[in-house]
N, C-alpha and C. Protein backbone atom coordinates (compact mmCIF):
# COMPACT_ATOMS: atom_id res chain seq x y z
N UNK A 1 159.43 160.26 58.37
CA UNK A 1 158.58 159.94 59.49
C UNK A 1 157.18 160.51 59.32
N UNK A 2 157.11 161.69 58.70
CA UNK A 2 155.80 162.30 58.53
C UNK A 2 154.90 161.40 57.70
N UNK A 3 155.44 160.79 56.65
CA UNK A 3 154.65 159.93 55.79
C UNK A 3 154.19 158.70 56.56
N UNK A 4 155.05 158.14 57.39
CA UNK A 4 154.69 156.97 58.19
C UNK A 4 153.59 157.32 59.18
N UNK A 5 153.67 158.45 59.82
CA UNK A 5 152.65 158.88 60.77
C UNK A 5 151.32 159.13 60.06
N UNK A 6 151.39 159.72 58.87
CA UNK A 6 150.18 159.99 58.09
C UNK A 6 149.50 158.67 57.70
N UNK A 7 150.30 157.71 57.24
CA UNK A 7 149.74 156.40 56.87
C UNK A 7 149.15 155.69 58.08
N UNK A 8 149.82 155.76 59.21
CA UNK A 8 149.31 155.11 60.43
C UNK A 8 147.98 155.73 60.84
N UNK A 9 147.89 157.04 60.77
CA UNK A 9 146.64 157.73 61.13
C UNK A 9 145.54 157.36 60.14
N UNK A 10 145.86 157.32 58.86
CA UNK A 10 144.87 156.96 57.84
C UNK A 10 144.37 155.54 58.03
N UNK A 11 145.26 154.61 58.26
CA UNK A 11 144.87 153.20 58.46
C UNK A 11 144.06 153.06 59.75
N UNK A 12 144.46 153.77 60.79
CA UNK A 12 143.72 153.72 62.06
C UNK A 12 142.30 154.24 61.92
N UNK A 13 142.15 155.39 61.25
CA UNK A 13 140.82 155.95 61.05
C UNK A 13 139.96 155.09 60.14
N UNK A 14 140.56 154.51 59.11
CA UNK A 14 139.82 153.63 58.21
C UNK A 14 139.34 152.39 58.95
N UNK A 15 140.22 151.81 59.77
CA UNK A 15 139.85 150.64 60.55
C UNK A 15 138.72 150.96 61.52
N UNK A 16 138.78 152.13 62.14
CA UNK A 16 137.73 152.52 63.08
C UNK A 16 136.41 152.75 62.36
N UNK A 17 136.48 153.33 61.16
CA UNK A 17 135.26 153.59 60.40
C UNK A 17 134.63 152.30 59.89
N UNK A 18 135.46 151.34 59.48
CA UNK A 18 134.94 150.09 58.94
C UNK A 18 134.53 149.13 60.05
N UNK A 19 135.34 148.97 61.06
CA UNK A 19 135.09 147.98 62.11
C UNK A 19 134.28 148.52 63.28
N UNK A 20 134.19 149.82 63.40
CA UNK A 20 133.44 150.40 64.52
C UNK A 20 132.01 149.92 64.62
N UNK A 21 131.24 149.97 63.54
CA UNK A 21 129.86 149.50 63.61
C UNK A 21 129.73 148.02 63.93
N UNK A 22 130.78 147.25 63.66
CA UNK A 22 130.72 145.81 63.91
C UNK A 22 130.93 145.46 65.37
N UNK A 23 131.40 146.40 66.18
CA UNK A 23 131.67 146.09 67.58
C UNK A 23 130.44 146.21 68.46
N UNK A 24 129.35 146.77 67.96
CA UNK A 24 128.12 146.91 68.75
C UNK A 24 127.43 145.57 68.96
N UNK A 25 126.47 145.54 69.85
CA UNK A 25 125.72 144.31 70.12
C UNK A 25 124.91 143.91 68.89
N UNK A 26 124.80 142.62 68.67
CA UNK A 26 124.10 142.10 67.50
C UNK A 26 122.64 141.80 67.82
N UNK A 27 122.02 142.60 68.64
CA UNK A 27 120.63 142.40 69.02
C UNK A 27 119.77 143.42 68.30
N UNK A 28 118.78 142.93 67.61
CA UNK A 28 117.87 143.83 66.90
C UNK A 28 116.89 144.45 67.87
N UNK A 29 116.59 145.68 67.66
CA UNK A 29 115.61 146.36 68.51
C UNK A 29 114.22 145.82 68.19
N UNK A 30 113.35 145.65 69.20
CA UNK A 30 112.02 145.15 68.93
C UNK A 30 111.24 146.13 68.06
N UNK A 31 110.42 145.60 67.18
CA UNK A 31 109.66 146.47 66.29
C UNK A 31 108.40 147.00 66.96
N UNK A 32 108.05 146.44 68.11
CA UNK A 32 106.84 146.85 68.79
C UNK A 32 107.01 146.65 70.28
N UNK A 33 106.27 147.41 71.05
CA UNK A 33 106.29 147.25 72.50
C UNK A 33 105.29 146.20 72.95
N UNK A 34 104.51 145.65 72.03
CA UNK A 34 103.48 144.68 72.35
C UNK A 34 103.95 143.28 72.01
N UNK A 35 103.59 142.32 72.88
CA UNK A 35 103.86 140.92 72.56
C UNK A 35 102.92 140.51 71.43
N UNK A 36 103.39 139.70 70.51
CA UNK A 36 102.53 139.34 69.37
C UNK A 36 101.32 138.51 69.80
N UNK A 37 100.20 138.77 69.16
CA UNK A 37 98.97 138.00 69.35
C UNK A 37 98.37 137.81 67.96
N UNK A 38 98.73 136.72 67.32
CA UNK A 38 98.26 136.42 65.98
C UNK A 38 97.80 134.97 65.93
N UNK A 39 96.56 134.77 65.56
CA UNK A 39 95.95 133.44 65.58
C UNK A 39 95.34 133.10 64.23
N UNK A 40 95.31 131.81 63.92
CA UNK A 40 94.59 131.30 62.76
C UNK A 40 93.52 130.37 63.30
N UNK A 41 92.27 130.68 63.01
CA UNK A 41 91.14 129.88 63.47
C UNK A 41 90.54 129.15 62.29
N UNK A 42 90.27 127.86 62.46
CA UNK A 42 89.66 127.07 61.39
C UNK A 42 88.44 126.34 61.94
N UNK A 43 87.52 126.03 61.06
CA UNK A 43 86.35 125.25 61.44
C UNK A 43 86.01 124.28 60.32
N UNK A 44 85.40 123.18 60.70
CA UNK A 44 85.00 122.18 59.71
C UNK A 44 84.09 121.15 60.34
N UNK A 45 83.42 120.38 59.52
CA UNK A 45 82.53 119.33 60.01
C UNK A 45 83.32 118.05 60.23
N UNK A 46 83.17 117.48 61.40
CA UNK A 46 83.85 116.25 61.76
C UNK A 46 84.11 116.22 63.25
N UNK A 47 84.64 115.09 63.72
CA UNK A 47 84.86 114.94 65.15
C UNK A 47 86.26 115.35 65.59
N UNK A 48 87.20 115.42 64.65
CA UNK A 48 88.55 115.87 64.98
C UNK A 48 89.15 116.57 63.76
N UNK A 49 90.11 117.43 64.03
CA UNK A 49 90.68 118.26 62.97
C UNK A 49 91.35 117.45 61.87
N UNK A 50 91.95 116.33 62.24
CA UNK A 50 92.69 115.53 61.26
C UNK A 50 91.78 114.92 60.20
N UNK A 51 90.52 114.65 60.54
CA UNK A 51 89.61 114.01 59.59
C UNK A 51 88.44 114.90 59.19
N UNK A 52 88.37 116.10 59.73
CA UNK A 52 87.25 117.00 59.44
C UNK A 52 87.34 117.57 58.03
N UNK A 53 86.18 117.86 57.48
CA UNK A 53 86.13 118.54 56.19
C UNK A 53 86.27 120.03 56.46
N UNK A 54 87.39 120.65 56.06
CA UNK A 54 87.58 122.08 56.35
C UNK A 54 86.57 122.94 55.61
N UNK A 55 86.06 123.95 56.31
CA UNK A 55 85.09 124.86 55.71
C UNK A 55 85.56 126.29 55.64
N UNK A 56 86.23 126.74 56.69
CA UNK A 56 86.62 128.14 56.71
C UNK A 56 87.81 128.34 57.62
N UNK A 57 88.63 129.31 57.28
CA UNK A 57 89.77 129.70 58.11
C UNK A 57 89.85 131.22 58.11
N UNK A 58 90.15 131.80 59.27
CA UNK A 58 90.30 133.25 59.39
C UNK A 58 91.54 133.54 60.21
N UNK A 59 92.05 134.75 60.07
CA UNK A 59 93.16 135.21 60.89
C UNK A 59 92.65 136.25 61.87
N UNK A 60 93.31 136.29 63.02
CA UNK A 60 92.94 137.25 64.06
C UNK A 60 94.20 137.77 64.71
N UNK A 61 94.46 139.07 64.56
CA UNK A 61 95.61 139.74 65.18
C UNK A 61 95.07 140.70 66.23
N UNK A 62 95.60 140.61 67.44
CA UNK A 62 95.05 141.42 68.53
C UNK A 62 96.03 142.42 69.13
N UNK A 63 97.26 142.48 68.67
CA UNK A 63 98.19 143.44 69.24
C UNK A 63 98.97 144.10 68.11
N UNK A 64 99.06 145.39 68.10
CA UNK A 64 98.55 146.34 69.08
C UNK A 64 97.06 146.64 68.91
N UNK A 65 96.51 146.38 67.74
CA UNK A 65 95.08 146.61 67.53
C UNK A 65 94.48 145.39 66.87
N UNK A 66 93.16 145.34 66.86
CA UNK A 66 92.47 144.20 66.28
C UNK A 66 92.46 144.31 64.76
N UNK A 67 92.82 143.19 64.10
CA UNK A 67 92.80 143.15 62.64
C UNK A 67 92.75 141.70 62.20
N UNK A 68 92.75 141.50 60.90
CA UNK A 68 92.71 140.16 60.35
C UNK A 68 91.46 139.95 59.52
N UNK A 69 91.25 138.72 59.08
CA UNK A 69 90.09 138.41 58.26
C UNK A 69 88.88 137.97 59.07
N UNK A 70 89.00 137.91 60.38
CA UNK A 70 87.87 137.56 61.25
C UNK A 70 86.80 138.63 61.10
N UNK A 71 85.53 138.25 60.91
CA UNK A 71 84.49 139.25 60.68
C UNK A 71 84.21 140.18 61.86
N UNK A 72 84.54 139.75 63.07
CA UNK A 72 84.33 140.60 64.26
C UNK A 72 85.63 140.62 65.07
N UNK A 73 86.69 141.09 64.45
CA UNK A 73 88.02 141.04 65.06
C UNK A 73 88.09 141.78 66.40
N UNK A 74 87.56 142.98 66.46
CA UNK A 74 87.64 143.78 67.70
C UNK A 74 86.92 143.10 68.85
N UNK A 75 85.73 142.58 68.58
CA UNK A 75 84.94 141.91 69.63
C UNK A 75 85.61 140.61 70.06
N UNK A 76 86.14 139.84 69.10
CA UNK A 76 86.81 138.58 69.41
C UNK A 76 88.06 138.83 70.25
N UNK A 77 88.83 139.86 69.92
CA UNK A 77 90.02 140.19 70.70
C UNK A 77 89.64 140.61 72.12
N UNK A 78 88.57 141.38 72.25
CA UNK A 78 88.11 141.80 73.58
C UNK A 78 87.71 140.59 74.42
N UNK A 79 87.02 139.62 73.81
CA UNK A 79 86.63 138.42 74.54
C UNK A 79 87.85 137.61 74.97
N UNK A 80 88.82 137.49 74.08
CA UNK A 80 90.03 136.74 74.43
C UNK A 80 90.82 137.45 75.53
N UNK A 81 90.88 138.76 75.48
CA UNK A 81 91.56 139.51 76.56
C UNK A 81 90.83 139.29 77.88
N UNK A 82 89.49 139.29 77.85
CA UNK A 82 88.70 139.07 79.06
C UNK A 82 88.91 137.68 79.65
N UNK A 83 89.20 136.71 78.78
CA UNK A 83 89.45 135.34 79.23
C UNK A 83 90.93 135.09 79.49
N UNK A 84 91.75 136.12 79.37
CA UNK A 84 93.19 135.96 79.58
C UNK A 84 93.85 135.10 78.52
N UNK A 85 93.23 135.04 77.33
CA UNK A 85 93.76 134.24 76.24
C UNK A 85 93.47 132.75 76.37
N UNK A 86 92.75 132.36 77.42
CA UNK A 86 92.42 130.95 77.64
C UNK A 86 91.13 130.61 76.89
N UNK A 87 91.26 129.88 75.79
CA UNK A 87 90.09 129.54 74.98
C UNK A 87 89.15 128.59 75.73
N UNK A 88 89.66 127.82 76.68
CA UNK A 88 88.81 126.94 77.48
C UNK A 88 87.95 127.72 78.47
N UNK A 89 88.32 128.97 78.74
CA UNK A 89 87.57 129.79 79.69
C UNK A 89 86.38 130.48 79.05
N UNK A 90 86.26 130.42 77.73
CA UNK A 90 85.10 131.03 77.06
C UNK A 90 83.86 130.23 77.42
N UNK A 91 82.82 130.93 77.80
CA UNK A 91 81.58 130.25 78.21
C UNK A 91 80.47 130.55 77.22
N UNK A 92 79.50 129.64 77.10
CA UNK A 92 78.42 129.89 76.15
C UNK A 92 77.48 130.99 76.63
N UNK A 93 76.81 131.61 75.67
CA UNK A 93 75.80 132.60 76.02
C UNK A 93 74.66 131.89 76.74
N UNK A 94 74.09 132.55 77.72
CA UNK A 94 73.03 131.93 78.52
C UNK A 94 71.69 131.86 77.78
N UNK A 95 71.46 132.75 76.84
CA UNK A 95 70.14 132.83 76.21
C UNK A 95 70.06 132.12 74.85
N UNK A 96 70.96 131.19 74.59
CA UNK A 96 70.96 130.48 73.31
C UNK A 96 70.41 129.07 73.52
N UNK A 97 69.45 128.72 72.68
CA UNK A 97 68.87 127.37 72.72
C UNK A 97 69.24 126.66 71.43
N UNK A 98 69.93 125.54 71.56
CA UNK A 98 70.35 124.77 70.39
C UNK A 98 69.66 123.41 70.39
N UNK A 99 69.44 122.88 69.21
CA UNK A 99 68.88 121.54 69.11
C UNK A 99 69.94 120.52 69.53
N UNK A 100 69.51 119.33 69.82
CA UNK A 100 70.46 118.28 70.21
C UNK A 100 70.84 117.40 69.02
N UNK A 101 70.57 117.88 67.82
CA UNK A 101 70.97 117.18 66.61
C UNK A 101 72.48 117.11 66.57
N UNK A 102 73.02 115.89 66.49
CA UNK A 102 74.47 115.71 66.49
C UNK A 102 75.02 115.81 65.08
N UNK A 103 75.69 116.91 64.82
CA UNK A 103 76.35 117.17 63.54
C UNK A 103 77.67 117.85 63.91
N UNK A 104 78.68 117.07 64.34
CA UNK A 104 79.88 117.64 64.96
C UNK A 104 80.62 118.66 64.10
N UNK A 105 81.07 119.70 64.79
CA UNK A 105 81.85 120.78 64.18
C UNK A 105 83.11 120.93 65.03
N UNK A 106 84.25 120.89 64.37
CA UNK A 106 85.52 121.03 65.08
C UNK A 106 86.12 122.40 64.78
N UNK A 107 86.70 123.00 65.83
CA UNK A 107 87.36 124.31 65.71
C UNK A 107 88.80 124.14 66.17
N UNK A 108 89.73 124.72 65.42
CA UNK A 108 91.12 124.74 65.84
C UNK A 108 91.61 126.18 65.88
N UNK A 109 92.51 126.43 66.80
CA UNK A 109 93.16 127.74 66.91
C UNK A 109 94.65 127.48 67.06
N UNK A 110 95.44 128.05 66.18
CA UNK A 110 96.89 127.92 66.21
C UNK A 110 97.51 129.30 66.11
N UNK A 111 98.59 129.51 66.82
CA UNK A 111 99.28 130.78 66.72
C UNK A 111 99.95 131.19 68.01
N UNK A 112 99.95 132.50 68.25
CA UNK A 112 100.62 133.07 69.42
C UNK A 112 99.67 134.05 70.09
N UNK A 113 99.54 133.94 71.41
CA UNK A 113 98.75 134.90 72.18
C UNK A 113 99.66 135.54 73.21
N UNK A 114 99.88 136.82 73.09
CA UNK A 114 100.75 137.62 73.95
C UNK A 114 102.11 136.94 74.14
N UNK A 115 102.68 136.49 73.03
CA UNK A 115 104.01 135.91 73.04
C UNK A 115 104.08 134.43 73.39
N UNK A 116 102.95 133.80 73.72
CA UNK A 116 102.94 132.38 74.10
C UNK A 116 102.25 131.55 73.03
N UNK A 117 102.80 130.40 72.73
CA UNK A 117 102.27 129.51 71.70
C UNK A 117 100.90 128.99 72.11
N UNK A 118 99.96 128.98 71.15
CA UNK A 118 98.60 128.50 71.39
C UNK A 118 98.29 127.38 70.40
N UNK A 119 97.74 126.29 70.91
CA UNK A 119 97.28 125.18 70.08
C UNK A 119 96.01 124.65 70.74
N UNK A 120 94.87 124.82 70.07
CA UNK A 120 93.58 124.50 70.67
C UNK A 120 92.73 123.76 69.64
N UNK A 121 92.04 122.73 70.10
CA UNK A 121 91.09 122.01 69.26
C UNK A 121 89.90 121.62 70.13
N UNK A 122 88.70 121.87 69.62
CA UNK A 122 87.49 121.52 70.36
C UNK A 122 86.39 121.10 69.38
N UNK A 123 85.68 120.05 69.74
CA UNK A 123 84.58 119.57 68.92
C UNK A 123 83.26 119.93 69.60
N UNK A 124 82.40 120.62 68.87
CA UNK A 124 81.07 120.99 69.35
C UNK A 124 80.05 120.05 68.75
N UNK A 125 78.92 119.87 69.43
CA UNK A 125 77.88 118.97 68.96
C UNK A 125 77.27 119.37 67.63
N UNK A 126 77.16 120.68 67.39
CA UNK A 126 76.66 121.18 66.11
C UNK A 126 77.08 122.65 65.97
N UNK A 127 76.73 123.25 64.85
CA UNK A 127 77.18 124.62 64.57
C UNK A 127 76.57 125.62 65.54
N UNK A 128 75.35 125.41 65.96
CA UNK A 128 74.71 126.32 66.92
C UNK A 128 75.49 126.34 68.23
N UNK A 129 75.91 125.17 68.69
CA UNK A 129 76.68 125.11 69.94
C UNK A 129 78.03 125.81 69.79
N UNK A 130 78.64 125.67 68.62
CA UNK A 130 79.91 126.36 68.36
C UNK A 130 79.72 127.87 68.42
N UNK A 131 78.68 128.37 67.75
CA UNK A 131 78.44 129.82 67.72
C UNK A 131 78.07 130.38 69.08
N UNK A 132 77.53 129.55 69.96
CA UNK A 132 77.14 130.03 71.29
C UNK A 132 78.36 130.24 72.18
N UNK A 133 79.45 129.51 71.95
CA UNK A 133 80.66 129.66 72.76
C UNK A 133 81.46 130.85 72.27
N UNK A 134 81.97 131.62 73.20
CA UNK A 134 82.78 132.76 72.83
C UNK A 134 82.03 133.61 71.82
N UNK A 135 81.11 134.37 72.28
CA UNK A 135 80.15 135.10 71.48
C UNK A 135 80.65 135.45 70.08
N UNK A 136 81.86 135.97 69.97
CA UNK A 136 82.37 136.37 68.67
C UNK A 136 83.59 135.57 68.21
N UNK A 137 84.31 134.95 69.12
CA UNK A 137 85.56 134.28 68.77
C UNK A 137 85.34 133.19 67.72
N UNK A 138 84.37 132.31 67.93
CA UNK A 138 84.16 131.19 67.03
C UNK A 138 83.09 131.45 65.97
N UNK A 139 82.49 132.61 65.99
CA UNK A 139 81.44 132.93 65.00
C UNK A 139 82.08 133.57 63.77
N UNK A 140 82.50 132.71 62.86
CA UNK A 140 83.08 133.21 61.61
C UNK A 140 82.70 132.33 60.44
């Protein structure tokens, strides 16, 4: 009987050691307390993104800190936070004068802002008008 009890205890402990970790919840802990804010901004000449000649693309990460290839990442993130992530809410600078020469420039923004999917496309009359909107967001 002693041998049987010893084997039962050994098998029980082995089963608990092997299967114990498998009984926990299969949910991974979040790697950050911040909702992701990662965007890819592109610009090109043309009236719409599908037919525009691409010129430049940058990345912009705003959570937890500003980073990416955007030349003014901190300022662009601050502007987006001020607009609540709404790219349509960005307003042009009041002291910028642009010519009315029509040379369309299209800007696209794809990614995630504070955990929500973002897809934005806007055509500006020319590069000056693009740079005037969102002081730093579209100036890249």
